[in-house]
Amino acid sequence: MTNHKHIEETDLINLISDRHHDLRQKVEYMTAQQLPQVHFGSSEWYLIMIIKYDQPTFAELTHKINLTRQAIHKAVKQLEQKQVVQIESVPNNKKEKRVTLTEFGIMCYEKYIKNKQHIIEHIGQVIGASEVAHLEQLLQADWQLENDKPDE
């Protein structure tokens, strides 16, 4: 029984999840040390990443993140209060609003990205740059999960 429990704790999915959690916490901690005036949770950092890349509308955020429009609105409002994002009207559309990063938001984003890059470089020094490249390749591969059917 103990062996089975050990296998469950260290299976691929749990290992990926645990590493993801540890890496996110490390990047967030490093960034929090550089930006002591404001604290962001993981979900806020995720929103900041999406906003920076896409400058999405509320409808696009709702679709991308798969949360209710109300939950997205609340999260964006919190970022707006922290002066990280601004809400703008979409030209030729009176209903829809677009979310963009403020100058402060861009500065926060850039610190976060720089810290991520620092951690990636550190991992490369520890396990080797070629291993990091190989890991990225494996994680980017199409694992064809949509074709997998559970045993009946």
Protein backbone atom coordinates (compact mmCIF):
# COMPACT_ATOMS: atom_id res chain seq x y z
CA MET A 1 0.00 0.00 0.00
CA THR A 2 2.79 2.41 0.86
CA ASN A 3 4.41 1.90 -2.54
CA HIS A 4 1.14 2.68 -4.34
CA LYS A 5 0.71 5.87 -2.29
CA HIS A 6 4.29 6.90 -3.16
CA ILE A 7 3.61 6.37 -6.87
CA GLU A 8 0.45 8.51 -6.68
CA GLU A 9 2.37 11.31 -4.97
CA THR A 10 5.12 11.33 -7.59
CA ASP A 11 3.23 10.62 -10.79
CA LEU A 12 3.82 12.85 -13.81
CA ILE A 13 0.74 15.01 -13.32
CA ASN A 14 1.53 15.69 -9.66
CA LEU A 15 5.19 16.39 -10.46
CA ILE A 16 4.23 18.92 -13.13
CA SER A 17 1.66 20.51 -10.84
CA ASP A 18 4.06 20.72 -7.89
CA ARG A 19 6.85 22.23 -10.00
CA HIS A 20 4.42 24.72 -11.53
CA HIS A 21 3.26 25.78 -8.06
CA ASP A 22 6.84 26.10 -6.74
CA LEU A 23 8.00 28.10 -9.76
CA ARG A 24 5.02 30.48 -9.64
CA GLN A 25 5.54 31.07 -5.93
CA LYS A 26 9.25 31.79 -6.45
CA VAL A 27 8.60 34.28 -9.27
CA GLU A 28 5.82 35.95 -7.30
CA TYR A 29 7.99 36.17 -4.17
CA MET A 30 10.90 37.69 -6.08
CA THR A 31 8.62 40.22 -7.74
CA ALA A 32 6.90 41.07 -4.45
CA GLN A 33 10.32 41.89 -2.97
CA GLN A 34 10.89 44.37 -5.81
CA LEU A 35 7.36 45.82 -5.63
CA PRO A 36 6.58 46.01 -1.91
CA GLN A 37 3.94 48.69 -2.46
CA VAL A 38 1.55 46.24 -4.14
CA HIS A 39 0.76 42.54 -3.80
CA PHE A 40 -0.58 40.36 -6.59
CA GLY A 41 -1.96 36.85 -6.30
CA SER A 42 -1.35 34.16 -8.91
CA SER A 43 -4.67 34.82 -10.62
CA GLU A 44 -3.85 38.53 -10.87
CA TRP A 45 -0.47 37.77 -12.45
CA TYR A 46 -2.24 35.47 -14.90
CA LEU A 47 -4.63 38.28 -15.82
CA ILE A 48 -1.75 40.73 -16.19
CA MET A 49 -0.03 38.32 -18.61
CA ILE A 50 -3.17 37.96 -20.74
CA ILE A 51 -3.87 41.69 -20.73
CA LYS A 52 -0.30 42.54 -21.74
CA TYR A 53 -0.32 40.12 -24.65
CA ASP A 54 -3.81 40.74 -26.00
CA GLN A 55 -5.34 43.95 -24.59
CA PRO A 56 -8.60 41.99 -24.45
CA THR A 57 -12.18 43.05 -24.07
CA PHE A 58 -14.18 41.79 -21.09
CA ALA A 59 -15.89 39.28 -23.41
CA GLU A 60 -12.51 37.97 -24.61
CA LEU A 61 -11.25 37.66 -21.02
CA THR A 62 -14.39 35.77 -20.03
CA HIS A 63 -13.91 33.35 -22.92
CA LYS A 64 -10.16 32.91 -22.37
CA ILE A 65 -10.20 32.44 -18.61
CA ASN A 66 -13.51 30.58 -18.44
CA LEU A 67 -14.88 32.56 -15.51
CA THR A 68 -18.12 34.48 -15.29
CA ARG A 69 -18.18 38.01 -16.61
CA GLN A 70 -18.93 39.14 -13.07
CA ALA A 71 -15.80 37.41 -11.67
CA ILE A 72 -13.64 38.88 -14.44
CA HIS A 73 -15.08 42.32 -13.83
CA LYS A 74 -14.29 42.06 -10.11
CA ALA A 75 -10.71 40.92 -10.75
CA VAL A 76 -10.11 43.67 -13.32
CA LYS A 77 -11.57 46.28 -10.95
CA GLN A 78 -9.11 45.14 -8.26
CA LEU A 79 -6.24 45.57 -10.72
CA GLU A 80 -7.63 48.96 -11.68
CA GLN A 81 -7.66 50.00 -8.00
CA LYS A 82 -4.00 48.96 -7.80
CA GLN A 83 -3.42 51.24 -10.83
CA VAL A 84 -2.17 48.33 -12.93
CA VAL A 85 -4.84 48.36 -15.63
CA GLN A 86 -7.15 50.86 -17.23
CA ILE A 87 -10.50 50.21 -18.82
CA GLU A 88 -11.11 51.86 -22.18
CA SER A 89 -14.03 52.02 -24.55
CA VAL A 90 -13.82 49.98 -27.73
CA PRO A 91 -14.20 52.16 -30.82
CA ASN A 92 -17.54 51.64 -32.63
CA ASN A 93 -18.93 49.56 -29.74
CA LYS A 94 -20.74 51.34 -26.91
CA LYS A 95 -21.16 48.21 -24.78
CA GLU A 96 -17.72 46.62 -24.83
CA LYS A 97 -14.69 47.76 -22.86
CA ARG A 98 -11.03 46.88 -23.43
CA VAL A 99 -8.48 46.34 -20.66
CA THR A 100 -4.92 47.62 -21.05
CA LEU A 101 -1.95 47.90 -18.72
CA THR A 102 -0.99 51.27 -17.31
CA GLU A 103 2.66 52.39 -17.25
CA PHE A 104 2.87 50.99 -13.72
CA GLY A 105 1.27 47.75 -14.93
CA ILE A 106 3.83 47.44 -17.72
CA MET A 107 6.65 48.02 -15.22
CA CYS A 108 5.20 45.28 -12.95
CA TYR A 109 4.86 42.96 -15.95
CA GLU A 110 8.46 43.58 -17.01
CA LYS A 111 9.80 42.83 -13.52
CA TYR A 112 7.77 39.62 -13.42
CA ILE A 113 9.06 38.52 -16.84
CA LYS A 114 12.65 39.39 -15.87
CA ASN A 115 12.30 37.25 -12.73
CA LYS A 116 10.87 34.36 -14.75
CA GLN A 117 13.83 34.60 -17.12
CA HIS A 118 16.24 34.67 -14.17
CA ILE A 119 14.72 31.44 -12.79
CA ILE A 120 14.85 29.77 -16.22
CA GLU A 121 18.55 30.71 -16.49
CA HIS A 122 19.16 29.36 -12.98
CA ILE A 123 17.47 26.07 -13.87
CA GLY A 124 19.65 25.94 -17.00
CA GLN A 125 22.77 26.34 -14.86
CA VAL A 126 21.62 23.54 -12.54
CA ILE A 127 20.34 20.95 -15.02
CA GLY A 128 21.93 22.22 -18.23
CA ALA A 129 20.66 24.50 -20.96
CA SER A 130 20.09 21.58 -23.32
CA GLU A 131 17.90 19.86 -20.72
CA VAL A 132 15.82 23.04 -20.33
CA ALA A 133 15.43 23.22 -24.12
CA HIS A 134 14.44 19.54 -24.21
CA LEU A 135 11.92 20.04 -21.40
CA GLU A 136 10.38 22.99 -23.25
CA GLN A 137 10.18 20.83 -26.38
CA LEU A 138 8.42 18.03 -24.49
CA LEU A 139 5.94 20.39 -22.85
CA GLN A 140 5.14 22.08 -26.19
CA ALA A 141 4.58 18.76 -27.97
CA ASP A 142 1.05 17.74 -28.91
CA TRP A 143 0.25 15.00 -26.41
CA GLN A 144 -2.98 14.22 -28.32
CA LEU A 145 -5.03 14.18 -25.11
CA GLU A 146 -8.20 14.76 -27.08
CA ASN A 147 -7.69 11.29 -28.65
CA ASP A 148 -7.34 9.51 -25.30
CA LYS A 149 -10.34 7.49 -24.13
CA PRO A 150 -10.55 5.98 -20.64
CA ASP A 151 -10.83 2.23 -20.29
CA GLU A 152 -14.43 1.16 -19.92
